[in-house]
Each structure stands twice: as structure tokens, then as C-alpha cells.
């Protein structure tokens, strides 16, 4: 009884944000987590949302794939289902539904930087991103977006959102935060706003993949390097950057930002690893800078 009551209340609350304008097709991979029953209740009776579910039933053993949508196996099934169903997009949630990873109609991942650019028109500026997402690459996509960088982690992002009354924030990991969700992150609410925007695209005769391909393109490298000596590694990077007179800042780990190149190296908050995020306007620059950084870290 109580479960049904609260599920209905939650779905009704979320439904107030869903404003699709034209019919769209989507595939939802629930990762055998908690999102399935909520979204099914949310979309009940909706004539404009043609949705297919995979891995719908909650199961803590996660039989289909791991609960982390950023892992390579996390999007493989969704990729195939989107193509098979000729869907407009797909989304895979993590186990508890606070993260979402989106795929376009060709089954290709839309990384969080592009999702920010896609959803930004729905919210007032400025927007918050974490340091691992990078203000510089977002500037390459859309120079007019007003961006504030935050340390990684929901504590820092929520705190900064409240202090500056920010409506929308994004982390590279697929966390999307909303003022109208009490400054918290919600994969389901991100899915709702994403659906609204895809519906607008389809109304204008544009596919999501076409929109993505029309955006400025750049090249990414991301990796996690296992080490119990995170601070020593960061000190080594800082020392070499100073020797080369390269400008950097230390909001969260070490960040280098140049006209055609950017990287952030930071210690994980949860694992004994260094998280590397790197972007460049050209593949050759990315290859060169990647080799130099990995050589510093002894990974070449």
C-alpha cells in the first residue's frame, strides 16, 4: 500500500517536467536497478512516448551487465536495441538511478559535455560542471555558455549550486543536478529533459545524431591509473609543468587549459586511482600530449 502510494506521488511529481511535443521512440536500460517501476508509472497513458525496456526487473546480482553505465559492457545491449527498434535515442541508468548515460539514434554515446550543451537552453545560466568535465572543452562547443567549475562530488556541487542559485549542473560521470529537484542529481529527471529536447528535434525533422554531428568535434582520452601514491604522482606532474613553464590550476587535482588542449588529473574520491581526462581539438595534439603525460606517470 505505502509503496504504491509513494511511487504514485513520485511519478506525479516527475510527470510535471515531461513536455514532449511530438512522438518519439526510446529504449531504456534499467540495469536491473531501481528506475524501471518509476518510469513505467511515469509514462503510463503517455501517447507520445513509445518506450521499450531492457533489464527492467530489479536484481541485485545484475545479471545483464554491471551496474556502472560508463563501463564498456554497460551500453552494449542498449546499442543493439536502439538499432533494432529504430529508436530516436536510448538511456542506460546506473543501479540506483542517480546517473544516466545517453545514446543517440545510431547507438553512439552522447558524452556529458554534449548533453550539457543539448539541455542548456532549458535552464538559465550559469551552469556548474565538475573539474573533470572541463570548462575549456565546453567552450569549444559553445563559447557563449557561462560555466562555473566545481570540485568533483555531490557535496561540493550541491553546496555551490545553493550558494549561487544554479539551476543545472553536470558531472562527467553522468550525474545531472537540478535546482527543481532540491539541487540533487536525478538520472530519471535528466531522461525527462532529454526526451523533451529530442522531441523538439524530431518536430523540426532532425535526428539526435544529426544534431550531435553538427556540433564542433574534438578528441577525448580518459583513463584510470591504479596507484596508492596519488599525491606523489600529482607532485611529479606539477614539478614538470613548472619546469616547462606550463600554466595550471589546482581546483581539483591538476588542470592544464590551453587554446587547443586541456587535461585534468585528479585522485579518485572512492578508489586508489588517478583519473585522467584529456581533450584536444586535433587527434595529433591529443596523441602527443597523452604520450607525454603517461610517460610522466610511468605508463608509456
Foldseek 3Di string as FASTA:
>chain_A
DVVVVVLLVVLVLLLVLFDFDAAFEEEEEALLADCQVSVCSNCVPPPRYHYHYDSRHRDPVSVQDAQQCVDPSNQPVVQVVLQVVQGLKYWYAGRHFLFIWIAGSNSHTDFQLNLCVLLVVVFDDAEEEEPQVPPQVNCLQPVPHHYDYWHDDLVTQLVVCVVVVGAWYDYRSGFIAGVSVVRGTGNVSSVSSVSNSQSVCVVVVHGPVRVVVPTQDWDKDKDKAADQPLVVLLVLVVVVCVVVVFDWDPNARIWGDDNFWIKHWHQDPPHRIIIIIIIGSDPVVVVVVVVVSCVSVVND
